[in-house]
Amino acid sequence: MALSLGGSSGKRRFGTGTLSEINIVPLVDVVLVLLIIFMLTAHVMEFGLEVNVPQVKQVQDTAEDLPVVNITRDGKLFLNERLININRLPDEVKSRFKDAKGVYVRADAATVWDPIAQVISTLNEAKLPIKVVTKPEETSGRGR
C-alpha cells in the first residue's frame, strides 16, 4: 500500500516539510584539506636542537645569553644553535661572548665520549672555563 501526499499528479509540494538531511561533504572536504596542510607543515614547526642531556640532582637557572656548545648524537657541534667547526670554537666564543664566565657544554646522553672530550680539550687549551649542562632528576615526592 503506497501513500501519496500530493494528489494524483505525483508532484511534491515544497514548503510543507522540514529539511532533515545535512550535507556534510563540504565539511569533510575542509577537514581533509586542513589535515593535509598540517601533515605537510609538521616538520617545519620543529625548532632548536634536540639534545637529551644526562640527569643530576642539583640545578641552576639563568636568563643570560651564555655560550653553549651543543654536541648532537652524531657528534656535530653547535655554538648557540649555529653549526661550528671545532677549530674555530675558542675564537668564536671569545669574539661573540666577551664577558662570559664560562662555556657551557651540552651533549646528548647517547653521544660517544670522543667528541665531548675533544671539545673539552679544545676549550681547556684556550683557557676557557668549562661547565657541563645536565637535566635535573625527577623526584617522586620523596624528601632528600
N, C-alpha and C. Protein backbone atom coordinates (compact mmCIF):
# COMPACT_ATOMS: atom_id res chain seq x y z
N MET A 1 0.84 -1.16 0.00
CA MET A 1 0.00 0.00 0.00
C MET A 1 0.90 1.23 0.00
N ALA A 2 0.70 2.14 -0.91
CA ALA A 2 1.50 3.34 -1.07
C ALA A 2 0.70 4.55 -0.65
N LEU A 3 1.39 5.53 -0.14
CA LEU A 3 0.76 6.77 0.29
C LEU A 3 1.30 7.92 -0.53
N SER A 4 0.45 8.81 -0.90
CA SER A 4 0.87 9.97 -1.67
C SER A 4 0.30 11.20 -1.01
N LEU A 5 1.14 12.21 -0.83
CA LEU A 5 0.68 13.45 -0.20
C LEU A 5 0.22 14.48 -1.21
N GLY A 6 0.66 14.38 -2.40
CA GLY A 6 0.43 15.46 -3.34
C GLY A 6 -0.71 15.24 -4.30
N GLY A 7 -1.52 14.36 -4.21
CA GLY A 7 -2.59 14.16 -5.17
C GLY A 7 -2.19 13.16 -6.24
N SER A 8 -2.89 13.15 -7.34
CA SER A 8 -2.68 12.13 -8.35
C SER A 8 -1.54 12.44 -9.31
N SER A 9 -1.05 13.68 -9.37
CA SER A 9 -0.01 14.01 -10.34
C SER A 9 1.37 13.51 -9.90
N GLY A 10 1.58 13.20 -8.64
CA GLY A 10 2.86 12.67 -8.16
C GLY A 10 3.89 13.73 -7.86
N LYS A 11 3.55 15.00 -7.95
CA LYS A 11 4.49 16.07 -7.64
C LYS A 11 4.46 16.38 -6.16
N ARG A 12 5.63 16.75 -5.64
CA ARG A 12 5.72 17.12 -4.22
C ARG A 12 5.43 18.59 -4.06
N ARG A 13 4.90 18.93 -2.93
CA ARG A 13 4.69 20.34 -2.61
C ARG A 13 5.85 20.81 -1.75
N PHE A 14 6.46 21.93 -2.14
CA PHE A 14 7.59 22.45 -1.38
C PHE A 14 7.09 23.36 -0.28
N GLY A 15 7.84 23.37 0.84
CA GLY A 15 7.49 24.25 1.94
C GLY A 15 6.61 23.60 2.97
N THR A 16 6.18 22.40 2.76
CA THR A 16 5.30 21.78 3.74
C THR A 16 6.07 20.90 4.72
N GLY A 17 7.24 20.41 4.35
CA GLY A 17 8.02 19.53 5.24
C GLY A 17 9.26 20.23 5.75
N THR A 18 9.98 19.57 6.63
CA THR A 18 11.22 20.13 7.16
C THR A 18 12.39 19.41 6.51
N LEU A 19 13.50 20.11 6.40
CA LEU A 19 14.71 19.54 5.83
C LEU A 19 15.41 18.77 6.93
N SER A 20 15.47 17.48 6.81
CA SER A 20 16.06 16.66 7.87
C SER A 20 17.43 16.11 7.51
N GLU A 21 17.96 16.44 6.34
CA GLU A 21 19.27 15.95 5.95
C GLU A 21 20.25 17.12 5.86
N ILE A 22 21.46 16.91 6.36
CA ILE A 22 22.51 17.92 6.28
C ILE A 22 23.59 17.39 5.38
N ASN A 23 24.02 18.21 4.45
CA ASN A 23 25.08 17.80 3.54
C ASN A 23 26.42 18.04 4.23
N ILE A 24 27.16 16.95 4.54
CA ILE A 24 28.44 17.09 5.24
C ILE A 24 29.64 16.98 4.31
N VAL A 25 29.42 16.89 3.03
CA VAL A 25 30.52 16.78 2.08
C VAL A 25 31.45 18.00 2.14
N PRO A 26 30.94 19.24 2.19
CA PRO A 26 31.88 20.38 2.31
C PRO A 26 32.68 20.36 3.61
N LEU A 27 32.06 19.92 4.69
CA LEU A 27 32.77 19.82 5.95
C LEU A 27 33.91 18.81 5.87
N VAL A 28 33.63 17.67 5.27
CA VAL A 28 34.67 16.64 5.11
C VAL A 28 35.79 17.14 4.22
N ASP A 29 35.45 17.88 3.17
CA ASP A 29 36.47 18.43 2.28
C ASP A 29 37.39 19.39 3.03
N VAL A 30 36.83 20.27 3.82
CA VAL A 30 37.63 21.24 4.57
C VAL A 30 38.51 20.53 5.59
N VAL A 31 37.98 19.54 6.29
CA VAL A 31 38.76 18.81 7.28
C VAL A 31 39.91 18.07 6.61
N LEU A 32 39.69 17.46 5.48
CA LEU A 32 40.77 16.75 4.79
C LEU A 32 41.85 17.71 4.28
N VAL A 33 41.45 18.87 3.80
CA VAL A 33 42.44 19.86 3.35
C VAL A 33 43.28 20.33 4.54
N LEU A 34 42.64 20.60 5.68
CA LEU A 34 43.39 21.01 6.87
C LEU A 34 44.32 19.91 7.35
N LEU A 35 43.89 18.67 7.30
CA LEU A 35 44.73 17.55 7.69
C LEU A 35 45.97 17.47 6.80
N ILE A 36 45.79 17.64 5.52
CA ILE A 36 46.92 17.59 4.59
C ILE A 36 47.88 18.75 4.86
N ILE A 37 47.34 19.93 5.13
CA ILE A 37 48.21 21.09 5.42
C ILE A 37 49.02 20.84 6.68
N PHE A 38 48.40 20.33 7.73
CA PHE A 38 49.13 20.07 8.97
C PHE A 38 50.16 18.96 8.79
N MET A 39 49.85 17.96 7.99
CA MET A 39 50.81 16.89 7.76
C MET A 39 52.03 17.40 7.00
N LEU A 40 51.83 18.31 6.06
CA LEU A 40 52.95 18.83 5.28
C LEU A 40 53.79 19.83 6.05
N THR A 41 53.19 20.56 6.98
CA THR A 41 53.93 21.59 7.70
C THR A 41 54.40 21.15 9.08
N ALA A 42 54.14 19.93 9.49
CA ALA A 42 54.52 19.48 10.84
C ALA A 42 56.03 19.49 11.02
N HIS A 43 56.79 19.10 10.02
CA HIS A 43 58.24 19.08 10.17
C HIS A 43 58.84 20.48 10.20
N VAL A 44 58.14 21.47 9.68
CA VAL A 44 58.64 22.85 9.69
C VAL A 44 58.50 23.46 11.08
N MET A 45 57.52 23.01 11.85
CA MET A 45 57.26 23.58 13.17
C MET A 45 58.32 23.21 14.20
N GLU A 46 59.13 22.21 13.94
CA GLU A 46 60.18 21.83 14.88
C GLU A 46 61.27 22.89 14.85
N PHE A 47 61.79 23.24 15.99
CA PHE A 47 62.83 24.25 16.06
C PHE A 47 63.82 23.86 17.15
N GLY A 48 65.01 24.41 17.07
CA GLY A 48 66.03 24.17 18.07
C GLY A 48 66.70 22.82 17.88
N LEU A 49 67.59 22.51 18.75
CA LEU A 49 68.30 21.25 18.72
C LEU A 49 67.74 20.35 19.79
N GLU A 50 67.57 19.12 19.46
CA GLU A 50 67.07 18.17 20.43
C GLU A 50 68.24 17.38 20.99
N VAL A 51 68.61 17.71 22.20
CA VAL A 51 69.72 17.05 22.87
C VAL A 51 69.20 16.52 24.20
N ASN A 52 69.36 15.23 24.41
CA ASN A 52 68.89 14.58 25.62
C ASN A 52 70.06 14.52 26.61
N VAL A 53 70.14 15.50 27.54
CA VAL A 53 71.26 15.59 28.46
C VAL A 53 71.06 14.65 29.64
N PRO A 54 72.16 14.24 30.30
CA PRO A 54 72.03 13.37 31.48
C PRO A 54 71.34 14.09 32.63
N GLN A 55 70.82 13.32 33.57
CA GLN A 55 70.09 13.89 34.70
C GLN A 55 70.95 13.87 35.96
N VAL A 56 70.87 14.97 36.74
CA VAL A 56 71.56 15.08 38.03
C VAL A 56 70.61 15.69 39.05
N LYS A 57 71.05 15.75 40.32
CA LYS A 57 70.17 16.27 41.37
C LYS A 57 70.20 17.78 41.50
N GLN A 58 71.35 18.44 41.32
CA GLN A 58 71.48 19.88 41.53
C GLN A 58 71.23 20.63 40.23
N VAL A 59 70.47 21.77 40.32
CA VAL A 59 70.09 22.54 39.13
C VAL A 59 70.29 24.02 39.40
N GLN A 60 70.75 24.78 38.36
CA GLN A 60 70.83 26.24 38.44
C GLN A 60 70.20 26.82 37.19
N ASP A 61 69.38 27.87 37.35
CA ASP A 61 68.73 28.53 36.23
C ASP A 61 69.33 29.92 36.02
N THR A 62 69.33 30.40 34.75
CA THR A 62 69.82 31.73 34.43
C THR A 62 69.09 32.26 33.22
N ALA A 63 69.06 33.60 33.07
CA ALA A 63 68.39 34.23 31.93
C ALA A 63 69.39 34.94 31.01
N GLU A 64 70.69 34.82 31.27
CA GLU A 64 71.71 35.49 30.45
C GLU A 64 71.89 34.76 29.12
N ASP A 65 72.47 35.49 28.15
CA ASP A 65 72.85 34.86 26.89
C ASP A 65 74.26 34.31 27.08
N LEU A 66 74.35 33.00 27.18
CA LEU A 66 75.61 32.34 27.52
C LEU A 66 76.12 31.52 26.34
N PRO A 67 77.44 31.32 26.27
CA PRO A 67 77.98 30.46 25.22
C PRO A 67 77.70 28.99 25.56
N VAL A 68 76.88 28.36 24.74
CA VAL A 68 76.53 26.96 24.94
C VAL A 68 76.99 26.17 23.73
N VAL A 69 77.84 25.19 23.96
CA VAL A 69 78.29 24.30 22.89
C VAL A 69 77.42 23.05 22.96
N ASN A 70 76.62 22.83 21.91
CA ASN A 70 75.75 21.65 21.83
C ASN A 70 76.43 20.58 21.00
N ILE A 71 76.46 19.38 21.52
CA ILE A 71 77.03 18.25 20.79
C ILE A 71 75.89 17.26 20.55
N THR A 72 75.59 17.02 19.28
CA THR A 72 74.47 16.13 18.95
C THR A 72 74.91 14.67 19.05
N ARG A 73 73.95 13.80 18.88
CA ARG A 73 74.18 12.37 18.96
C ARG A 73 75.23 11.89 17.97
N ASP A 74 75.23 12.52 16.78
CA ASP A 74 76.19 12.09 15.75
C ASP A 74 77.48 12.89 15.78
N GLY A 75 77.70 13.74 16.80
CA GLY A 75 78.96 14.42 17.00
C GLY A 75 79.08 15.80 16.37
N LYS A 76 78.00 16.36 15.84
CA LYS A 76 78.05 17.70 15.27
C LYS A 76 78.09 18.74 16.39
N LEU A 77 78.84 19.82 16.17
CA LEU A 77 78.98 20.88 17.17
C LEU A 77 78.20 22.11 16.76
N PHE A 78 77.51 22.70 17.72
CA PHE A 78 76.75 23.92 17.52
C PHE A 78 77.10 24.88 18.64
N LEU A 79 77.35 26.13 18.30
CA LEU A 79 77.53 27.17 19.30
C LEU A 79 76.26 28.01 19.29
N ASN A 80 75.45 27.86 20.32
CA ASN A 80 74.14 28.52 20.41
C ASN A 80 73.34 28.32 19.12
N GLU A 81 73.14 27.10 18.72
CA GLU A 81 72.32 26.67 17.58
C GLU A 81 72.89 27.03 16.22
N ARG A 82 74.18 27.43 16.15
CA ARG A 82 74.84 27.65 14.86
C ARG A 82 75.94 26.62 14.70
N LEU A 83 75.93 25.91 13.59
CA LEU A 83 76.94 24.89 13.32
C LEU A 83 78.32 25.53 13.31
N ILE A 84 79.28 24.87 13.95
CA ILE A 84 80.63 25.44 14.06
C ILE A 84 81.67 24.34 13.97
N ASN A 85 82.84 24.70 13.47
CA ASN A 85 83.98 23.80 13.40
C ASN A 85 84.70 23.84 14.74
N ILE A 86 85.20 22.70 15.19
CA ILE A 86 85.86 22.65 16.49
C ILE A 86 87.12 23.51 16.53
N ASN A 87 87.77 23.70 15.38
CA ASN A 87 88.99 24.51 15.33
C ASN A 87 88.70 26.00 15.52
N ARG A 88 87.51 26.46 15.17
CA ARG A 88 87.14 27.86 15.30
C ARG A 88 86.39 28.14 16.61
N LEU A 89 86.13 27.11 17.38
CA LEU A 89 85.31 27.24 18.59
C LEU A 89 85.87 28.24 19.60
N PRO A 90 87.14 28.16 20.04
CA PRO A 90 87.62 29.12 21.04
C PRO A 90 87.59 30.57 20.55
N ASP A 91 87.99 30.81 19.30
CA ASP A 91 87.99 32.17 18.76
C ASP A 91 86.57 32.73 18.67
N GLU A 92 85.65 31.91 18.26
CA GLU A 92 84.26 32.34 18.12
C GLU A 92 83.65 32.66 19.50
N VAL A 93 83.96 31.84 20.50
CA VAL A 93 83.45 32.09 21.85
C VAL A 93 84.01 33.40 22.38
N LYS A 94 85.30 33.62 22.19
CA LYS A 94 85.93 34.85 22.70
C LYS A 94 85.42 36.10 21.99
N SER A 95 85.10 35.99 20.69
CA SER A 95 84.63 37.18 19.97
C SER A 95 83.15 37.47 20.22
N ARG A 96 82.33 36.44 20.31
CA ARG A 96 80.89 36.66 20.49
C ARG A 96 80.48 36.89 21.94
N PHE A 97 81.22 36.29 22.88
CA PHE A 97 80.86 36.37 24.31
C PHE A 97 82.07 36.89 25.09
N LYS A 98 82.28 38.17 25.06
CA LYS A 98 83.47 38.77 25.67
C LYS A 98 83.47 38.66 27.20
N ASP A 99 82.31 38.79 27.83
CA ASP A 99 82.24 38.77 29.29
C ASP A 99 81.76 37.43 29.84
N ALA A 100 81.91 36.38 29.08
CA ALA A 100 81.43 35.07 29.53
C ALA A 100 82.29 34.54 30.66
N LYS A 101 81.63 34.02 31.68
CA LYS A 101 82.35 33.45 32.83
C LYS A 101 82.65 31.98 32.62
N GLY A 102 82.12 31.42 31.57
CA GLY A 102 82.37 30.01 31.29
C GLY A 102 81.64 29.58 30.03
N VAL A 103 82.09 28.48 29.47
CA VAL A 103 81.46 27.91 28.28
C VAL A 103 80.70 26.67 28.74
N TYR A 104 79.43 26.61 28.38
CA TYR A 104 78.59 25.50 28.78
C TYR A 104 78.60 24.44 27.68
N VAL A 105 78.93 23.23 28.07
CA VAL A 105 78.97 22.12 27.13
C VAL A 105 77.75 21.26 27.41
N ARG A 106 76.94 21.10 26.37
CA ARG A 106 75.68 20.34 26.47
C ARG A 106 75.74 19.24 25.43
N ALA A 107 75.76 18.00 25.87
CA ALA A 107 75.86 16.87 24.95
C ALA A 107 74.71 15.90 25.17
N ASP A 108 74.31 15.25 24.10
CA ASP A 108 73.27 14.23 24.18
C ASP A 108 73.79 13.07 25.02
N ALA A 109 72.91 12.45 25.79
CA ALA A 109 73.32 11.33 26.65
C ALA A 109 73.81 10.14 25.83
N ALA A 110 73.37 10.03 24.58
CA ALA A 110 73.78 8.91 23.74
C ALA A 110 75.02 9.22 22.90
N THR A 111 75.61 10.40 23.08
CA THR A 111 76.80 10.78 22.32
C THR A 111 77.99 9.96 22.80
N VAL A 112 78.80 9.52 21.84
CA VAL A 112 80.03 8.83 22.22
C VAL A 112 80.95 9.85 22.88
N TRP A 113 81.87 9.39 23.69
CA TRP A 113 82.67 10.26 24.53
C TRP A 113 83.69 11.07 23.73
N ASP A 114 84.18 10.60 22.60
CA ASP A 114 85.26 11.25 21.87
C ASP A 114 84.96 12.71 21.50
N PRO A 115 83.80 13.05 20.88
CA PRO A 115 83.55 14.47 20.57
C PRO A 115 83.47 15.35 21.81
N ILE A 116 82.95 14.81 22.89
CA ILE A 116 82.86 15.57 24.13
C ILE A 116 84.25 15.86 24.66
N ALA A 117 85.11 14.86 24.66
CA ALA A 117 86.48 15.03 25.15
C ALA A 117 87.26 16.00 24.27
N GLN A 118 87.03 15.96 22.96
CA GLN A 118 87.72 16.89 22.06
C GLN A 118 87.31 18.34 22.33
N VAL A 119 86.03 18.57 22.54
CA VAL A 119 85.53 19.92 22.83
C VAL A 119 86.10 20.42 24.16
N ILE A 120 86.07 19.58 25.18
CA ILE A 120 86.60 19.97 26.48
C ILE A 120 88.09 20.28 26.38
N SER A 121 88.83 19.46 25.66
CA SER A 121 90.26 19.68 25.49
C SER A 121 90.54 20.97 24.73
N THR A 122 89.78 21.24 23.67
CA THR A 122 89.98 22.47 22.88
C THR A 122 89.68 23.71 23.72
N LEU A 123 88.60 23.68 24.48
CA LEU A 123 88.26 24.83 25.33
C LEU A 123 89.26 25.01 26.47
N ASN A 124 89.77 23.90 26.99
CA ASN A 124 90.76 23.95 28.06
C ASN A 124 92.08 24.55 27.57
N GLU A 125 92.48 24.20 26.35
CA GLU A 125 93.71 24.77 25.77
C GLU A 125 93.58 26.28 25.59
N ALA A 126 92.38 26.76 25.32
CA ALA A 126 92.15 28.20 25.13
C ALA A 126 91.93 28.92 26.46
N LYS A 127 92.08 28.20 27.57
CA LYS A 127 91.94 28.77 28.92
C LYS A 127 90.53 29.31 29.17
N LEU A 128 89.53 28.63 28.63
CA LEU A 128 88.13 29.00 28.87
C LEU A 128 87.55 28.07 29.93
N PRO A 129 86.88 28.62 30.94
CA PRO A 129 86.25 27.77 31.96
C PRO A 129 85.11 26.95 31.33
N ILE A 130 85.03 25.70 31.74
CA ILE A 130 84.06 24.77 31.14
C ILE A 130 83.05 24.36 32.20
N LYS A 131 81.77 24.40 31.82
CA LYS A 131 80.68 23.94 32.68
C LYS A 131 79.84 22.97 31.88
N VAL A 132 79.42 21.90 32.50
CA VAL A 132 78.65 20.86 31.83
C VAL A 132 77.17 21.04 32.14
N VAL A 133 76.33 21.00 31.11
CA VAL A 133 74.88 21.16 31.27
C VAL A 133 74.26 19.79 31.47
N THR A 134 73.41 19.69 32.49
CA THR A 134 72.69 18.44 32.78
C THR A 134 71.23 18.77 33.04
N LYS A 135 70.42 17.74 33.20
CA LYS A 135 68.99 17.89 33.47
C LYS A 135 68.71 17.36 34.87
N PRO A 136 67.82 18.02 35.62
CA PRO A 136 67.54 17.54 36.98
C PRO A 136 66.81 16.20 36.97
N GLU A 137 67.12 15.38 37.97
CA GLU A 137 66.43 14.11 38.12
C GLU A 137 65.00 14.35 38.58
N GLU A 138 64.10 13.50 38.14
CA GLU A 138 62.71 13.58 38.57
C GLU A 138 62.62 12.97 39.97
N THR A 139 62.06 13.73 40.92
CA THR A 139 61.84 13.20 42.26
C THR A 139 60.39 12.81 42.39
N SER A 140 60.12 11.71 43.03
CA SER A 140 58.75 11.20 43.15
C SER A 140 58.16 11.54 44.51
N GLY A 141 58.21 12.83 44.90
CA GLY A 141 57.56 13.26 46.13
C GLY A 141 58.33 12.93 47.39
N ARG A 142 59.50 12.33 47.29
CA ARG A 142 60.28 11.99 48.47
C ARG A 142 61.13 13.17 48.88
N GLY A 143 61.43 13.27 50.14
CA GLY A 143 62.35 14.28 50.65
C GLY A 143 63.77 13.81 50.42
N ARG A 144 64.72 14.76 50.38
CA ARG A 144 66.12 14.36 50.18
C ARG A 144 66.79 14.00 51.45
